[in-house]
Amino acid sequence: REQAIIIRQEEIADDIYSMWLRTEHIAEYAKAGQFV
């Protein structure tokens, strides 16, 4: 459980958003198919 910081965010289709987040640990341990 951590405070993530938004690196950037944009709308890429109607009501569909792309958000990059900087995390302290989550990125290090994440695998394809998981969620937050």
Full PDB file with SEQRES, HELIX, SHEET, SSBOND, CRYST1, ORIGX, SCALE, CONECT and MASTER records, all heavy atoms in Angstrom:
SEQRES   1 A   36  ARG GLU GLN ALA ILE ILE ILE ARG GLN GLU GLU ILE ALA          
SEQRES   2 A   36  ASP ASP ILE TYR SER MET TRP LEU ARG THR GLU HIS ILE          
SEQRES   3 A   36  ALA GLU TYR ALA LYS ALA GLY GLN PHE VAL                      
HELIX    1 AA1 ILE A   26  TYR A   29  1                                   4    
SHEET    1 AA1 2 ILE A   5  ALA A  13  0                                        
SHEET    2 AA1 2 ILE A  16  ARG A  22 -1                                        
CRYST1    1.000    1.000    1.000  90.00  90.00  90.00 P 1           1          
ORIGX1      1.000000  0.000000  0.000000        0.00000                         
ORIGX2      0.000000  1.000000  0.000000        0.00000                         
ORIGX3      0.000000  0.000000  1.000000        0.00000                         
SCALE1      1.000000  0.000000  0.000000        0.00000                         
SCALE2      0.000000  1.000000  0.000000        0.00000                         
SCALE3      0.000000  0.000000  1.000000        0.00000                         
ATOM      1  N   ARG A   1       0.885  -1.170   0.000  1.00  0.00           N  
ATOM      2  CA  ARG A   1       0.000   0.000   0.000  1.00  0.00           C  
ATOM      3  C   ARG A   1       0.917   1.211   0.000  1.00  0.00           C  
ATOM      4  O   ARG A   1       1.746   1.375   0.900  1.00  0.00           O  
ATOM      5  CB  ARG A   1      -0.898   0.008   1.236  1.00  0.00           C  
ATOM      6  CG  ARG A   1      -1.884   1.192   1.288  1.00  0.00           C  
ATOM      7  CD  ARG A   1      -2.622   1.203   2.616  1.00  0.00           C  
ATOM      8  NE  ARG A   1      -3.544   2.309   2.706  1.00  0.00           N  
ATOM      9  CZ  ARG A   1      -4.850   2.224   2.473  1.00  0.00           C  
ATOM     10  NH1 ARG A   1      -5.383   1.053   2.155  1.00  0.00           N  
ATOM     11  NH2 ARG A   1      -5.645   3.283   2.564  1.00  0.00           N  
ATOM     12  N   GLU A   2       0.787   2.044  -1.016  1.00  0.00           N  
ATOM     13  CA  GLU A   2       1.711   3.163  -1.119  1.00  0.00           C  
ATOM     14  C   GLU A   2       1.083   4.360  -1.821  1.00  0.00           C  
ATOM     15  O   GLU A   2       0.000   4.246  -2.436  1.00  0.00           O  
ATOM     16  CB  GLU A   2       2.991   2.736  -1.837  1.00  0.00           C  
ATOM     17  CG  GLU A   2       2.783   2.166  -3.225  1.00  0.00           C  
ATOM     18  CD  GLU A   2       4.077   1.577  -3.802  1.00  0.00           C  
ATOM     19  OE1 GLU A   2       4.689   0.736  -3.140  1.00  0.00           O  
ATOM     20  OE2 GLU A   2       4.456   1.982  -4.910  1.00  0.00           O  
ATOM     21  N   GLN A   3       1.758   5.488  -1.714  1.00  0.00           N  
ATOM     22  CA  GLN A   3       1.341   6.705  -2.407  1.00  0.00           C  
ATOM     23  C   GLN A   3       2.056   6.755  -3.760  1.00  0.00           C  
ATOM     24  O   GLN A   3       3.275   6.895  -3.821  1.00  0.00           O  
ATOM     25  CB  GLN A   3       1.697   7.939  -1.584  1.00  0.00           C  
ATOM     26  CG  GLN A   3       0.928   8.071  -0.273  1.00  0.00           C  
ATOM     27  CD  GLN A   3      -0.552   8.293  -0.505  1.00  0.00           C  
ATOM     28  OE1 GLN A   3      -0.944   9.157  -1.285  1.00  0.00           O  
ATOM     29  NE2 GLN A   3      -1.374   7.507   0.166  1.00  0.00           N  
ATOM     30  N   ALA A   4       1.288   6.595  -4.819  1.00  0.00           N  
ATOM     31  CA  ALA A   4       1.855   6.670  -6.159  1.00  0.00           C  
ATOM     32  C   ALA A   4       1.670   8.080  -6.710  1.00  0.00           C  
ATOM     33  O   ALA A   4       0.706   8.768  -6.362  1.00  0.00           O  
ATOM     34  CB  ALA A   4       1.180   5.657  -7.071  1.00  0.00           C  
ATOM     35  N   ILE A   5       2.592   8.486  -7.557  1.00  0.00           N  
ATOM     36  CA  ILE A   5       2.565   9.833  -8.129  1.00  0.00           C  
ATOM     37  C   ILE A   5       2.289   9.732  -9.628  1.00  0.00           C  
ATOM     38  O   ILE A   5       2.917   8.936 -10.341  1.00  0.00           O  
ATOM     39  CB  ILE A   5       3.896  10.554  -7.887  1.00  0.00           C  
ATOM     40  CG1 ILE A   5       4.161  10.681  -6.371  1.00  0.00           C  
ATOM     41  CG2 ILE A   5       3.902  11.932  -8.541  1.00  0.00           C  
ATOM     42  CD1 ILE A   5       5.538  11.201  -6.042  1.00  0.00           C  
ATOM     43  N   ILE A   6       1.346  10.537 -10.099  1.00  0.00           N  
ATOM     44  CA  ILE A   6       1.028  10.529 -11.531  1.00  0.00           C  
ATOM     45  C   ILE A   6       2.165  11.181 -12.319  1.00  0.00           C  
ATOM     46  O   ILE A   6       2.541  12.319 -12.071  1.00  0.00           O  
ATOM     47  CB  ILE A   6      -0.295  11.266 -11.811  1.00  0.00           C  
ATOM     48  CG1 ILE A   6      -1.458  10.514 -11.137  1.00  0.00           C  
ATOM     49  CG2 ILE A   6      -0.538  11.385 -13.314  1.00  0.00           C  
ATOM     50  CD1 ILE A   6      -2.806  11.199 -11.312  1.00  0.00           C  
ATOM     51  N   ILE A   7       2.731  10.411 -13.233  1.00  0.00           N  
ATOM     52  CA  ILE A   7       3.785  10.923 -14.122  1.00  0.00           C  
ATOM     53  C   ILE A   7       3.148  11.696 -15.281  1.00  0.00           C  
ATOM     54  O   ILE A   7       3.555  12.798 -15.620  1.00  0.00           O  
ATOM     55  CB  ILE A   7       4.647   9.770 -14.666  1.00  0.00           C  
ATOM     56  CG1 ILE A   7       5.298   9.005 -13.510  1.00  0.00           C  
ATOM     57  CG2 ILE A   7       5.688  10.294 -15.652  1.00  0.00           C  
ATOM     58  CD1 ILE A   7       5.971   7.709 -13.937  1.00  0.00           C  
ATOM     59  N   ARG A   8       2.131  11.097 -15.893  1.00  0.00           N  
ATOM     60  CA  ARG A   8       1.382  11.770 -16.955  1.00  0.00           C  
ATOM     61  C   ARG A   8       0.062  11.044 -17.161  1.00  0.00           C  
ATOM     62  O   ARG A   8      -0.078   9.862 -16.835  1.00  0.00           O  
ATOM     63  CB  ARG A   8       2.171  11.807 -18.268  1.00  0.00           C  
ATOM     64  CG  ARG A   8       2.518  10.470 -18.858  1.00  0.00           C  
ATOM     65  CD  ARG A   8       3.366  10.624 -20.114  1.00  0.00           C  
ATOM     66  NE  ARG A   8       3.726   9.351 -20.701  1.00  0.00           N  
ATOM     67  CZ  ARG A   8       4.795   8.624 -20.341  1.00  0.00           C  
ATOM     68  NH1 ARG A   8       5.595   9.066 -19.371  1.00  0.00           N  
ATOM     69  NH2 ARG A   8       5.072   7.482 -20.933  1.00  0.00           N  
ATOM     70  N   GLN A   9      -0.904  11.761 -17.706  1.00  0.00           N  
ATOM     71  CA  GLN A   9      -2.209  11.177 -17.993  1.00  0.00           C  
ATOM     72  C   GLN A   9      -2.810  11.864 -19.211  1.00  0.00           C  
ATOM     73  O   GLN A   9      -2.662  13.071 -19.379  1.00  0.00           O  
ATOM     74  CB  GLN A   9      -3.164  11.301 -16.802  1.00  0.00           C  
ATOM     75  CG  GLN A   9      -4.554  10.747 -17.099  1.00  0.00           C  
ATOM     76  CD  GLN A   9      -5.398  10.519 -15.863  1.00  0.00           C  
ATOM     77  OE1 GLN A   9      -5.955   9.428 -15.707  1.00  0.00           O  
ATOM     78  NE2 GLN A   9      -5.518  11.492 -14.989  1.00  0.00           N  
ATOM     79  N   GLU A  10      -3.476  11.065 -20.079  1.00  0.00           N  
ATOM     80  CA  GLU A  10      -4.130  11.632 -21.255  1.00  0.00           C  
ATOM     81  C   GLU A  10      -5.310  10.761 -21.658  1.00  0.00           C  
ATOM     82  O   GLU A  10      -5.357   9.563 -21.361  1.00  0.00           O  
ATOM     83  CB  GLU A  10      -3.139  11.734 -22.420  1.00  0.00           C  
ATOM     84  CG  GLU A  10      -2.567  10.393 -22.852  1.00  0.00           C  
ATOM     85  CD  GLU A  10      -1.577  10.522 -24.006  1.00  0.00           C  
ATOM     86  OE1 GLU A  10      -1.789  11.393 -24.864  1.00  0.00           O  
ATOM     87  OE2 GLU A  10      -0.612   9.735 -24.042  1.00  0.00           O  
ATOM     88  N   GLU A  11      -6.252  11.366 -22.327  1.00  0.00           N  
ATOM     89  CA  GLU A  11      -7.398  10.639 -22.884  1.00  0.00           C  
ATOM     90  C   GLU A  11      -6.974  10.112 -24.249  1.00  0.00           C  
ATOM     91  O   GLU A  11      -6.558  10.877 -25.115  1.00  0.00           O  
ATOM     92  CB  GLU A  11      -8.612  11.554 -23.008  1.00  0.00           C  
ATOM     93  CG  GLU A  11      -9.881  10.812 -23.401  1.00  0.00           C  
ATOM     94  CD  GLU A  11     -11.106  11.714 -23.403  1.00  0.00           C  
ATOM     95  OE1 GLU A  11     -10.934  12.955 -23.475  1.00  0.00           O  
ATOM     96  OE2 GLU A  11     -12.237  11.192 -23.348  1.00  0.00           O  
ATOM     97  N   ILE A  12      -7.049   8.784 -24.456  1.00  0.00           N  
ATOM     98  CA  ILE A  12      -6.582   8.191 -25.709  1.00  0.00           C  
ATOM     99  C   ILE A  12      -7.729   7.721 -26.610  1.00  0.00           C  
ATOM    100  O   ILE A  12      -7.514   7.360 -27.765  1.00  0.00           O  
ATOM    101  CB  ILE A  12      -5.608   7.024 -25.446  1.00  0.00           C  
ATOM    102  CG1 ILE A  12      -6.257   5.938 -24.572  1.00  0.00           C  
ATOM    103  CG2 ILE A  12      -4.323   7.543 -24.815  1.00  0.00           C  
ATOM    104  CD1 ILE A  12      -5.392   4.692 -24.408  1.00  0.00           C  
ATOM    105  N   ALA A  13      -8.943   7.717 -26.079  1.00  0.00           N  
ATOM    106  CA  ALA A  13     -10.166   7.444 -26.844  1.00  0.00           C  
ATOM    107  C   ALA A  13     -11.303   8.012 -26.001  1.00  0.00           C  
ATOM    108  O   ALA A  13     -11.072   8.474 -24.877  1.00  0.00           O  
ATOM    109  CB  ALA A  13     -10.353   5.945 -27.102  1.00  0.00           C  
ATOM    110  N   ASP A  14     -12.490   8.004 -26.532  1.00  0.00           N  
ATOM    111  CA  ASP A  14     -13.613   8.585 -25.813  1.00  0.00           C  
ATOM    112  C   ASP A  14     -13.814   7.887 -24.462  1.00  0.00           C  
ATOM    113  O   ASP A  14     -14.120   6.687 -24.412  1.00  0.00           O  
ATOM    114  CB  ASP A  14     -14.886   8.464 -26.656  1.00  0.00           C  
ATOM    115  CG  ASP A  14     -16.046   9.238 -26.057  1.00  0.00           C  
ATOM    116  OD1 ASP A  14     -15.792  10.240 -25.355  1.00  0.00           O  
ATOM    117  OD2 ASP A  14     -17.207   8.834 -26.278  1.00  0.00           O  
ATOM    118  N   ASP A  15     -13.576   8.604 -23.364  1.00  0.00           N  
ATOM    119  CA  ASP A  15     -13.708   8.090 -21.988  1.00  0.00           C  
ATOM    120  C   ASP A  15     -12.709   6.991 -21.650  1.00  0.00           C  
ATOM    121  O   ASP A  15     -12.895   6.255 -20.676  1.00  0.00           O  
ATOM    122  CB  ASP A  15     -15.138   7.591 -21.703  1.00  0.00           C  
ATOM    123  CG  ASP A  15     -16.104   8.732 -21.462  1.00  0.00           C  
ATOM    124  OD1 ASP A  15     -15.647   9.826 -21.062  1.00  0.00           O  
ATOM    125  OD2 ASP A  15     -17.319   8.544 -21.665  1.00  0.00           O  
ATOM    126  N   ILE A  16     -11.635   6.842 -22.437  1.00  0.00           N  
ATOM    127  CA  ILE A  16     -10.556   5.900 -22.133  1.00  0.00           C  
ATOM    128  C   ILE A  16      -9.304   6.713 -21.817  1.00  0.00           C  
ATOM    129  O   ILE A  16      -8.860   7.524 -22.635  1.00  0.00           O  
ATOM    130  CB  ILE A  16     -10.265   4.946 -23.319  1.00  0.00           C  
ATOM    131  CG1 ILE A  16     -11.533   4.185 -23.727  1.00  0.00           C  
ATOM    132  CG2 ILE A  16      -9.130   3.990 -22.971  1.00  0.00           C  
ATOM    133  CD1 ILE A  16     -11.976   3.126 -22.746  1.00  0.00           C  
ATOM    134  N   TYR A  17      -8.732   6.479 -20.634  1.00  0.00           N  
ATOM    135  CA  TYR A  17      -7.590   7.260 -20.173  1.00  0.00           C  
ATOM    136  C   TYR A  17      -6.363   6.391 -19.957  1.00  0.00           C  
ATOM    137  O   TYR A  17      -6.467   5.244 -19.511  1.00  0.00           O  
ATOM    138  CB  TYR A  17      -7.934   7.993 -18.872  1.00  0.00           C  
ATOM    139  CG  TYR A  17      -8.817   9.198 -19.099  1.00  0.00           C  
ATOM    140  CD1 TYR A  17     -10.186   9.045 -19.296  1.00  0.00           C  
ATOM    141  CD2 TYR A  17      -8.277  10.477 -19.153  1.00  0.00           C  
ATOM    142  CE1 TYR A  17     -11.001  10.139 -19.529  1.00  0.00           C  
ATOM    143  CE2 TYR A  17      -9.085  11.586 -19.395  1.00  0.00           C  
ATOM    144  CZ  TYR A  17     -10.449  11.413 -19.576  1.00  0.00           C  
ATOM    145  OH  TYR A  17     -11.239  12.499 -19.820  1.00  0.00           O  
ATOM    146  N   SER A  18      -5.213   6.970 -20.290  1.00  0.00           N  
ATOM    147  CA  SER A  18      -3.913   6.342 -20.081  1.00  0.00           C  
ATOM    148  C   SER A  18      -3.201   7.099 -18.968  1.00  0.00           C  
ATOM    149  O   SER A  18      -3.017   8.311 -19.053  1.00  0.00           O  
ATOM    150  CB  SER A  18      -3.093   6.412 -21.374  1.00  0.00           C  
ATOM    151  OG  SER A  18      -1.725   6.147 -21.134  1.00  0.00           O  
ATOM    152  N   MET A  19      -2.802   6.374 -17.905  1.00  0.00           N  
ATOM    153  CA  MET A  19      -2.154   6.995 -16.750  1.00  0.00           C  
ATOM    154  C   MET A  19      -0.885   6.223 -16.385  1.00  0.00           C  
ATOM    155  O   MET A  19      -0.923   5.014 -16.178  1.00  0.00           O  
ATOM    156  CB  MET A  19      -3.107   6.992 -15.544  1.00  0.00           C  
ATOM    157  CG  MET A  19      -2.492   7.553 -14.259  1.00  0.00           C  
ATOM    158  SD  MET A  19      -3.484   7.137 -12.785  1.00  0.00           S  
ATOM    159  CE  MET A  19      -4.913   8.184 -13.025  1.00  0.00           C  
ATOM    160  N   TRP A  20       0.236   6.937 -16.333  1.00  0.00           N  
ATOM    161  CA  TRP A  20       1.481   6.366 -15.834  1.00  0.00           C  
ATOM    162  C   TRP A  20       1.685   6.816 -14.392  1.00  0.00           C  
ATOM    163  O   TRP A  20       1.539   8.004 -14.081  1.00  0.00           O  
ATOM    164  CB  TRP A  20       2.664   6.816 -16.683  1.00  0.00           C  
ATOM    165  CG  TRP A  20       2.881   5.989 -17.917  1.00  0.00           C  
ATOM    166  CD1 TRP A  20       2.420   6.247 -19.175  1.00  0.00           C  
ATOM    167  CD2 TRP A  20       3.624   4.771 -18.011  1.00  0.00           C  
ATOM    168  NE1 TRP A  20       2.822   5.266 -20.048  1.00  0.00           N  
ATOM    169  CE2 TRP A  20       3.572   4.341 -19.362  1.00  0.00           C  
ATOM    170  CE3 TRP A  20       4.334   3.994 -17.092  1.00  0.00           C  
ATOM    171  CZ2 TRP A  20       4.203   3.184 -19.820  1.00  0.00           C  
ATOM    172  CZ3 TRP A  20       4.962   2.841 -17.526  1.00  0.00           C  
ATOM    173  CH2 TRP A  20       4.892   2.443 -18.877  1.00  0.00           C  
ATOM    174  N   LEU A  21       1.996   5.863 -13.507  1.00  0.00           N  
ATOM    175  CA  LEU A  21       2.193   6.138 -12.091  1.00  0.00           C  
ATOM    176  C   LEU A  21       3.586   5.711 -11.654  1.00  0.00           C  
ATOM    177  O   LEU A  21       4.033   4.607 -11.997  1.00  0.00           O  
ATOM    178  CB  LEU A  21       1.171   5.373 -11.237  1.00  0.00           C  
ATOM    179  CG  LEU A  21      -0.292   5.807 -11.297  1.00  0.00           C  
ATOM    180  CD1 LEU A  21      -1.159   4.755 -10.604  1.00  0.00           C  
ATOM    181  CD2 LEU A  21      -0.478   7.153 -10.629  1.00  0.00           C  
ATOM    182  N   ARG A  22       4.262   6.563 -10.891  1.00  0.00           N  
ATOM    183  CA  ARG A  22       5.536   6.157 -10.265  1.00  0.00           C  
ATOM    184  C   ARG A  22       5.220   5.540  -8.910  1.00  0.00           C  
ATOM    185  O   ARG A  22       4.481   6.106  -8.116  1.00  0.00           O  
ATOM    186  CB  ARG A  22       6.484   7.340 -10.127  1.00  0.00           C  
ATOM    187  CG  ARG A  22       7.781   6.975  -9.418  1.00  0.00           C  
ATOM    188  CD  ARG A  22       8.923   7.902  -9.781  1.00  0.00           C  
ATOM    189  NE  ARG A  22       9.355   7.706 -11.161  1.00  0.00           N  
ATOM    190  CZ  ARG A  22       9.241   8.614 -12.119  1.00  0.00           C  
ATOM    191  NH1 ARG A  22       8.686   9.779 -11.871  1.00  0.00           N  
ATOM    192  NH2 ARG A  22       9.676   8.361 -13.343  1.00  0.00           N  
ATOM    193  N   THR A  23       5.768   4.356  -8.666  1.00  0.00           N  
ATOM    194  CA  THR A  23       5.501   3.632  -7.426  1.00  0.00           C  
ATOM    195  C   THR A  23       6.816   3.352  -6.704  1.00  0.00           C  
ATOM    196  O   THR A  23       7.890   3.353  -7.313  1.00  0.00           O  
ATOM    197  CB  THR A  23       4.801   2.292  -7.702  1.00  0.00           C  
ATOM    198  OG1 THR A  23       5.750   1.374  -8.259  1.00  0.00           O  
ATOM    199  CG2 THR A  23       3.640   2.451  -8.666  1.00  0.00           C  
ATOM    200  N   GLU A  24       6.704   3.082  -5.423  1.00  0.00           N  
ATOM    201  CA  GLU A  24       7.904   2.778  -4.655  1.00  0.00           C  
ATOM    202  C   GLU A  24       8.306   1.313  -4.810  1.00  0.00           C  
ATOM    203  O   GLU A  24       9.478   0.983  -4.974  1.00  0.00           O  
ATOM    204  CB  GLU A  24       7.680   3.108  -3.185  1.00  0.00           C  
ATOM    205  CG  GLU A  24       8.925   2.958  -2.316  1.00  0.00           C  
ATOM    206  CD  GLU A  24       8.700   3.380  -0.884  1.00  0.00           C  
ATOM    207  OE1 GLU A  24       7.609   3.889  -0.574  1.00  0.00           O  
ATOM    208  OE2 GLU A  24       9.620   3.183  -0.070  1.00  0.00           O  
ATOM    209  N   HIS A  25       7.321   0.411  -4.761  1.00  0.00           N  
ATOM    210  CA  HIS A  25       7.633  -1.024  -4.805  1.00  0.00           C  
ATOM    211  C   HIS A  25       6.810  -1.807  -5.836  1.00  0.00           C  
ATOM    212  O   HIS A  25       7.255  -2.851  -6.304  1.00  0.00           O  
ATOM    213  CB  HIS A  25       7.368  -1.663  -3.433  1.00  0.00           C  
ATOM    214  CG  HIS A  25       8.184  -1.084  -2.324  1.00  0.00           C  
ATOM    215  ND1 HIS A  25       9.551  -1.213  -2.260  1.00  0.00           N  
ATOM    216  CD2 HIS A  25       7.818  -0.361  -1.237  1.00  0.00           C  
ATOM    217  CE1 HIS A  25       9.997  -0.618  -1.170  1.00  0.00           C  
ATOM    218  NE2 HIS A  25       8.975  -0.081  -0.533  1.00  0.00           N  
ATOM    219  N   ILE A  26       5.597  -1.349  -6.154  1.00  0.00           N  
ATOM    220  CA  ILE A  26       4.657  -2.158  -6.926  1.00  0.00           C  
ATOM    221  C   ILE A  26       5.229  -2.555  -8.286  1.00  0.00           C  
ATOM    222  O   ILE A  26       5.133  -3.709  -8.711  1.00  0.00           O  
ATOM    223  CB  ILE A  26       3.305  -1.439  -7.068  1.00  0.00           C  
ATOM    224  CG1 ILE A  26       2.606  -1.405  -5.703  1.00  0.00           C  
ATOM    225  CG2 ILE A  26       2.418  -2.138  -8.099  1.00  0.00           C  
ATOM    226  CD1 ILE A  26       1.336  -0.579  -5.672  1.00  0.00           C  
ATOM    227  N   ALA A  27       5.854  -1.610  -8.989  1.00  0.00           N  
ATOM    228  CA  ALA A  27       6.403  -1.919 -10.314  1.00  0.00           C  
ATOM    229  C   ALA A  27       7.462  -3.018 -10.232  1.00  0.00           C  
ATOM    230  O   ALA A  27       7.583  -3.851 -11.136  1.00  0.00           O  
ATOM    231  CB  ALA A  27       6.984  -0.667 -10.954  1.00  0.00           C  
ATOM    232  N   GLU A  28       8.214  -3.034  -9.149  1.00  0.00           N  
ATOM    233  CA  GLU A  28       9.293  -4.010  -9.000  1.00  0.00           C  
ATOM    234  C   GLU A  28       8.762  -5.438  -8.953  1.00  0.00           C  
ATOM    235  O   GLU A  28       9.385  -6.366  -9.459  1.00  0.00           O  
ATOM    236  CB  GLU A  28      10.071  -3.702  -7.715  1.00  0.00           C  
ATOM    237  CG  GLU A  28      11.210  -4.669  -7.423  1.00  0.00           C  
ATOM    238  CD  GLU A  28      11.924  -4.363  -6.117  1.00  0.00           C  
ATOM    239  OE1 GLU A  28      11.615  -3.321  -5.490  1.00  0.00           O  
ATOM    240  OE2 GLU A  28      12.788  -5.174  -5.725  1.00  0.00           O  
ATOM    241  N   TYR A  29       7.580  -5.624  -8.348  1.00  0.00           N  
ATOM    242  CA  TYR A  29       7.052  -6.967  -8.133  1.00  0.00           C  
ATOM    243  C   TYR A  29       5.918  -7.358  -9.087  1.00  0.00           C  
ATOM    244  O   TYR A  29       5.509  -8.518  -9.108  1.00  0.00           O  
ATOM    245  CB  TYR A  29       6.545  -7.099  -6.688  1.00  0.00           C  
ATOM    246  CG  TYR A  29       7.663  -7.106  -5.674  1.00  0.00           C  
ATOM    247  CD1 TYR A  29       8.090  -5.925  -5.073  1.00  0.00           C  
ATOM    248  CD2 TYR A  29       8.311  -8.290  -5.316  1.00  0.00           C  
ATOM    249  CE1 TYR A  29       9.123  -5.915  -4.149  1.00  0.00           C  
ATOM    250  CE2 TYR A  29       9.334  -8.296  -4.390  1.00  0.00           C  
ATOM    251  CZ  TYR A  29       9.744  -7.110  -3.811  1.00  0.00           C  
ATOM    252  OH  TYR A  29      10.765  -7.112  -2.892  1.00  0.00           O  
ATOM    253  N   ALA A  30       5.398  -6.407  -9.857  1.00  0.00           N  
ATOM    254  CA  ALA A  30       4.232  -6.670 -10.697  1.00  0.00           C  
ATOM    255  C   ALA A  30       4.548  -7.619 -11.846  1.00  0.00           C  
ATOM    256  O   ALA A  30       5.668  -7.676 -12.343  1.00  0.00           O  
ATOM    257  CB  ALA A  30       3.680  -5.357 -11.247  1.00  0.00           C  
ATOM    258  N   LYS A  31       3.506  -8.357 -12.277  1.00  0.00           N  
ATOM    259  CA  LYS A  31       3.609  -9.287 -13.401  1.00  0.00           C  
ATOM    260  C   LYS A  31       2.451  -9.038 -14.363  1.00  0.00           C  
ATOM    261  O   LYS A  31       1.391  -8.532 -13.973  1.00  0.00           O  
ATOM    262  CB  LYS A  31       3.554 -10.734 -12.904  1.00  0.00           C  
ATOM    263  CG  LYS A  31       4.670 -11.132 -11.961  1.00  0.00           C  
ATOM    264  CD  LYS A  31       4.574 -12.607 -11.586  1.00  0.00           C  
ATOM    265  CE  LYS A  31       3.316 -12.899 -10.777  1.00  0.00           C  
ATOM    266  NZ  LYS A  31       3.285 -14.297 -10.288  1.00  0.00           N  
ATOM    267  N   ALA A  32       2.626  -9.447 -15.591  1.00  0.00           N  
ATOM    268  CA  ALA A  32       1.572  -9.309 -16.597  1.00  0.00           C  
ATOM    269  C   ALA A  32       0.327 -10.068 -16.151  1.00  0.00           C  
ATOM    270  O   ALA A  32       0.395 -11.236 -15.775  1.00  0.00           O  
ATOM    271  CB  ALA A  32       2.053  -9.847 -17.942  1.00  0.00           C  
ATOM    272  N   GLY A  33      -0.817  -9.383 -16.152  1.00  0.00           N  
ATOM    273  CA  GLY A  33      -2.076  -9.996 -15.759  1.00  0.00           C  
ATOM    274  C   GLY A  33      -2.548  -9.584 -14.379  1.00  0.00           C  
ATOM    275  O   GLY A  33      -3.698  -9.845 -14.024  1.00  0.00           O  
ATOM    276  N   GLN A  34      -1.682  -8.951 -13.588  1.00  0.00           N  
ATOM    277  CA  GLN A  34      -2.096  -8.510 -12.259  1.00  0.00           C  
ATOM    278  C   GLN A  34      -2.798  -7.152 -12.338  1.00  0.00           C  
ATOM    279  O   GLN A  34      -2.863  -6.521 -13.392  1.00  0.00           O  
ATOM    280  CB  GLN A  34      -0.879  -8.428 -11.331  1.00  0.00           C  
ATOM    281  CG  GLN A  34      -0.296  -9.790 -10.985  1.00  0.00           C  
ATOM    282  CD  GLN A  34       0.808  -9.689  -9.942  1.00  0.00           C  
ATOM    283  OE1 GLN A  34       1.830  -9.045 -10.174  1.00  0.00           O  
ATOM    284  NE2 GLN A  34       0.607 -10.326  -8.798  1.00  0.00           N  
ATOM    285  N   PHE A  35      -3.313  -6.690 -11.188  1.00  0.00           N  
ATOM    286  CA  PHE A  35      -4.007  -5.407 -11.145  1.00  0.00           C  
ATOM    287  C   PHE A  35      -3.647  -4.666  -9.866  1.00  0.00           C  
ATOM    288  O   PHE A  35      -2.971  -5.212  -8.978  1.00  0.00           O  
ATOM    289  CB  PHE A  35      -5.525  -5.609 -11.250  1.00  0.00           C  
ATOM    290  CG  PHE A  35      -6.155  -6.314 -10.061  1.00  0.00           C  
ATOM    291  CD1 PHE A  35      -6.752  -5.586  -9.031  1.00  0.00           C  
ATOM    292  CD2 PHE A  35      -6.173  -7.704  -9.973  1.00  0.00           C  
ATOM    293  CE1 PHE A  35      -7.330  -6.225  -7.947  1.00  0.00           C  
ATOM    294  CE2 PHE A  35      -6.758  -8.353  -8.885  1.00  0.00           C  
ATOM    295  CZ  PHE A  35      -7.340  -7.612  -7.870  1.00  0.00           C  
ATOM    296  N   VAL A  36      -4.067  -3.421  -9.786  1.00  0.00           N  
ATOM    297  CA  VAL A  36      -3.928  -2.633  -8.566  1.00  0.00           C  
ATOM    298  C   VAL A  36      -5.304  -2.127  -8.159  1.00  0.00           C  
ATOM    299  O   VAL A  36      -6.212  -2.022  -8.994  1.00  0.00           O  
ATOM    300  CB  VAL A  36      -2.970  -1.438  -8.749  1.00  0.00           C  
ATOM    301  CG1 VAL A  36      -1.546  -1.914  -8.982  1.00  0.00           C  
ATOM    302  CG2 VAL A  36      -3.425  -0.513  -9.872  1.00  0.00           C  
TER     303      VAL A  36                                                      
MASTER        0    0    0    1    2    0    0    6  302    1    0    3          
END                                                                             
